[in-house]
Amino acid sequence: LSENKSQLILQVSDDGKGFDLREVNKPSRGIGIKNIESRISLIKGVIKFDVAIGKGSSFIIAVPITNPSNH
């Protein structure tokens, strides 16, 4: 977990068996990834996936930091 002047950044990686992102995004596979993407978009964030079968998984989520004094 890190931050810069404009974003809070969460990076999660593993060296597991990985997965095929296209396969898990199929409607028949559930809504897990879609749910994560939807929740992140609600707070104006973005998510980047770096996944492949046999390679492990890496996710980077960046969310803008708002200044409370601007509200």
N, C-alpha and C. Protein backbone atom coordinates (compact mmCIF):
# COMPACT_ATOMS: atom_id res chain seq x y z
N LEU A 1 0.86 -1.16 0.00
CA LEU A 1 0.00 0.00 0.00
C LEU A 1 0.91 1.22 0.00
N SER A 2 0.66 2.12 -0.92
CA SER A 2 1.45 3.34 -1.00
C SER A 2 0.56 4.49 -1.45
N GLU A 3 1.13 5.67 -1.41
CA GLU A 3 0.39 6.84 -1.88
C GLU A 3 1.34 7.81 -2.53
N ASN A 4 0.79 8.63 -3.40
CA ASN A 4 1.51 9.77 -3.93
C ASN A 4 0.60 10.98 -3.73
N LYS A 5 0.88 12.08 -4.34
CA LYS A 5 0.08 13.29 -4.09
C LYS A 5 -1.38 13.15 -4.50
N SER A 6 -1.67 12.27 -5.46
CA SER A 6 -3.03 12.22 -5.98
C SER A 6 -3.71 10.85 -5.86
N GLN A 7 -2.97 9.80 -5.48
CA GLN A 7 -3.56 8.47 -5.48
C GLN A 7 -3.12 7.63 -4.28
N LEU A 8 -4.01 6.75 -3.90
CA LEU A 8 -3.71 5.67 -2.97
C LEU A 8 -3.59 4.42 -3.84
N ILE A 9 -2.48 3.68 -3.69
CA ILE A 9 -2.21 2.57 -4.58
C ILE A 9 -2.04 1.28 -3.77
N LEU A 10 -2.80 0.27 -4.15
CA LEU A 10 -2.70 -1.04 -3.53
C LEU A 10 -2.19 -2.01 -4.57
N GLN A 11 -1.09 -2.70 -4.26
CA GLN A 11 -0.56 -3.71 -5.16
C GLN A 11 -0.50 -5.04 -4.43
N VAL A 12 -1.07 -6.06 -5.05
CA VAL A 12 -1.08 -7.40 -4.48
C VAL A 12 -0.54 -8.36 -5.53
N SER A 13 0.43 -9.17 -5.14
CA SER A 13 1.03 -10.14 -6.07
C SER A 13 1.19 -11.48 -5.37
N ASP A 14 1.15 -12.53 -6.18
CA ASP A 14 1.47 -13.85 -5.65
C ASP A 14 2.21 -14.64 -6.73
N ASP A 15 2.79 -15.74 -6.32
CA ASP A 15 3.49 -16.60 -7.27
C ASP A 15 2.75 -17.93 -7.43
N GLY A 16 1.43 -17.86 -7.34
CA GLY A 16 0.58 -19.04 -7.44
C GLY A 16 0.43 -19.54 -8.86
N LYS A 17 -0.60 -20.31 -9.09
CA LYS A 17 -0.80 -20.92 -10.40
C LYS A 17 -1.38 -19.98 -11.43
N GLY A 18 -1.85 -18.80 -11.01
CA GLY A 18 -2.41 -17.83 -11.94
C GLY A 18 -3.76 -18.26 -12.50
N PHE A 19 -4.28 -17.48 -13.44
CA PHE A 19 -5.56 -17.81 -14.06
C PHE A 19 -5.70 -17.03 -15.36
N ASP A 20 -6.66 -17.43 -16.16
CA ASP A 20 -6.96 -16.76 -17.42
C ASP A 20 -8.06 -15.73 -17.15
N LEU A 21 -7.73 -14.46 -17.24
CA LEU A 21 -8.68 -13.38 -16.92
C LEU A 21 -9.91 -13.44 -17.82
N ARG A 22 -9.74 -13.76 -19.09
CA ARG A 22 -10.90 -13.87 -20.00
C ARG A 22 -11.84 -14.98 -19.55
N GLU A 23 -11.28 -16.06 -19.06
CA GLU A 23 -12.10 -17.19 -18.63
C GLU A 23 -12.91 -16.84 -17.38
N VAL A 24 -12.30 -16.18 -16.40
CA VAL A 24 -13.05 -15.87 -15.18
C VAL A 24 -14.04 -14.73 -15.38
N ASN A 25 -13.91 -13.99 -16.45
CA ASN A 25 -14.86 -12.91 -16.74
C ASN A 25 -16.10 -13.39 -17.50
N LYS A 26 -16.15 -14.66 -17.85
CA LYS A 26 -17.34 -15.19 -18.53
C LYS A 26 -18.53 -15.16 -17.57
N PRO A 27 -19.72 -14.82 -18.08
CA PRO A 27 -20.90 -14.74 -17.21
C PRO A 27 -21.18 -16.02 -16.42
N SER A 28 -20.84 -17.16 -16.98
CA SER A 28 -21.11 -18.42 -16.29
C SER A 28 -20.18 -18.67 -15.10
N ARG A 29 -19.15 -17.85 -14.94
CA ARG A 29 -18.16 -18.07 -13.88
C ARG A 29 -18.42 -17.25 -12.63
N GLY A 30 -19.47 -16.48 -12.59
CA GLY A 30 -19.76 -15.69 -11.41
C GLY A 30 -19.45 -14.22 -11.63
N ILE A 31 -19.53 -13.46 -10.54
CA ILE A 31 -19.39 -12.01 -10.68
C ILE A 31 -18.26 -11.43 -9.81
N GLY A 32 -17.36 -12.26 -9.32
CA GLY A 32 -16.31 -11.80 -8.42
C GLY A 32 -15.48 -10.65 -8.97
N ILE A 33 -14.85 -10.85 -10.12
CA ILE A 33 -14.00 -9.81 -10.72
C ILE A 33 -14.84 -8.60 -11.12
N LYS A 34 -16.00 -8.84 -11.72
CA LYS A 34 -16.88 -7.74 -12.12
C LYS A 34 -17.30 -6.92 -10.90
N ASN A 35 -17.56 -7.58 -9.78
CA ASN A 35 -17.95 -6.90 -8.56
C ASN A 35 -16.82 -6.00 -8.06
N ILE A 36 -15.60 -6.50 -8.10
CA ILE A 36 -14.44 -5.70 -7.69
C ILE A 36 -14.30 -4.49 -8.59
N GLU A 37 -14.37 -4.71 -9.91
CA GLU A 37 -14.25 -3.60 -10.86
C GLU A 37 -15.34 -2.55 -10.65
N SER A 38 -16.55 -3.00 -10.39
CA SER A 38 -17.67 -2.09 -10.17
C SER A 38 -17.46 -1.24 -8.92
N ARG A 39 -17.03 -1.86 -7.85
CA ARG A 39 -16.82 -1.12 -6.61
C ARG A 39 -15.69 -0.10 -6.74
N ILE A 40 -14.64 -0.48 -7.44
CA ILE A 40 -13.52 0.44 -7.65
C ILE A 40 -13.96 1.62 -8.51
N SER A 41 -14.75 1.36 -9.54
CA SER A 41 -15.20 2.46 -10.41
C SER A 41 -16.11 3.44 -9.66
N LEU A 42 -16.85 2.94 -8.67
CA LEU A 42 -17.71 3.83 -7.88
C LEU A 42 -16.93 4.90 -7.14
N ILE A 43 -15.70 4.59 -6.79
CA ILE A 43 -14.86 5.57 -6.09
C ILE A 43 -13.80 6.17 -7.03
N LYS A 44 -14.11 6.09 -8.33
CA LYS A 44 -13.28 6.69 -9.39
C LYS A 44 -11.88 6.09 -9.47
N GLY A 45 -11.76 4.83 -9.07
CA GLY A 45 -10.48 4.15 -9.13
C GLY A 45 -10.33 3.31 -10.39
N VAL A 46 -9.15 2.75 -10.55
CA VAL A 46 -8.88 1.85 -11.66
C VAL A 46 -8.16 0.62 -11.13
N ILE A 47 -8.31 -0.48 -11.84
CA ILE A 47 -7.62 -1.71 -11.48
C ILE A 47 -6.92 -2.24 -12.72
N LYS A 48 -5.71 -2.72 -12.51
CA LYS A 48 -4.93 -3.31 -13.60
C LYS A 48 -4.58 -4.73 -13.17
N PHE A 49 -4.85 -5.68 -14.05
CA PHE A 49 -4.55 -7.08 -13.79
C PHE A 49 -3.33 -7.48 -14.62
N ASP A 50 -2.43 -8.22 -14.01
CA ASP A 50 -1.34 -8.86 -14.73
C ASP A 50 -1.36 -10.31 -14.29
N VAL A 51 -2.10 -11.12 -15.03
CA VAL A 51 -2.31 -12.52 -14.64
C VAL A 51 -2.12 -13.42 -15.85
N ALA A 52 -1.67 -14.63 -15.59
CA ALA A 52 -1.56 -15.64 -16.64
C ALA A 52 -1.43 -17.00 -15.96
N ILE A 53 -1.95 -18.00 -16.61
CA ILE A 53 -1.86 -19.35 -16.07
C ILE A 53 -0.38 -19.73 -15.96
N GLY A 54 0.00 -20.23 -14.80
CA GLY A 54 1.38 -20.64 -14.55
C GLY A 54 2.31 -19.51 -14.19
N LYS A 55 1.83 -18.28 -14.15
CA LYS A 55 2.69 -17.13 -13.91
C LYS A 55 2.41 -16.44 -12.57
N GLY A 56 1.31 -16.75 -11.94
CA GLY A 56 0.93 -16.02 -10.74
C GLY A 56 0.00 -14.87 -11.09
N SER A 57 -0.22 -14.02 -10.12
CA SER A 57 -1.17 -12.93 -10.31
C SER A 57 -0.64 -11.65 -9.69
N SER A 58 -0.97 -10.53 -10.32
CA SER A 58 -0.64 -9.22 -9.78
C SER A 58 -1.80 -8.29 -10.08
N PHE A 59 -2.20 -7.53 -9.08
CA PHE A 59 -3.29 -6.57 -9.21
C PHE A 59 -2.79 -5.24 -8.68
N ILE A 60 -3.07 -4.19 -9.40
CA ILE A 60 -2.77 -2.84 -8.93
C ILE A 60 -4.06 -2.05 -8.96
N ILE A 61 -4.43 -1.51 -7.81
CA ILE A 61 -5.62 -0.69 -7.70
C ILE A 61 -5.17 0.72 -7.32
N ALA A 62 -5.61 1.70 -8.08
CA ALA A 62 -5.29 3.10 -7.80
C ALA A 62 -6.59 3.87 -7.60
N VAL A 63 -6.67 4.58 -6.49
CA VAL A 63 -7.86 5.34 -6.13
C VAL A 63 -7.44 6.79 -5.88
N PRO A 64 -8.14 7.74 -6.47
CA PRO A 64 -7.77 9.14 -6.24
C PRO A 64 -7.97 9.54 -4.78
N ILE A 65 -7.04 10.35 -4.31
CA ILE A 65 -7.16 10.91 -2.96
C ILE A 65 -7.86 12.25 -3.09
N THR A 66 -8.90 12.41 -2.29
CA THR A 66 -9.60 13.69 -2.29
C THR A 66 -9.15 14.51 -1.09
N ASN A 67 -9.12 15.77 -1.25
CA ASN A 67 -8.74 16.66 -0.17
C ASN A 67 -9.99 17.05 0.61
N PRO A 68 -10.10 16.67 1.89
CA PRO A 68 -11.31 16.97 2.66
C PRO A 68 -11.64 18.45 2.72
N SER A 69 -10.65 19.31 2.57
CA SER A 69 -10.92 20.74 2.64
C SER A 69 -11.65 21.25 1.38
N ASN A 70 -11.69 20.42 0.34
CA ASN A 70 -12.38 20.81 -0.90
C ASN A 70 -13.86 20.50 -0.85
N HIS A 71 -14.37 19.89 0.23
CA HIS A 71 -15.78 19.51 0.31
C HIS A 71 -16.56 20.44 1.18
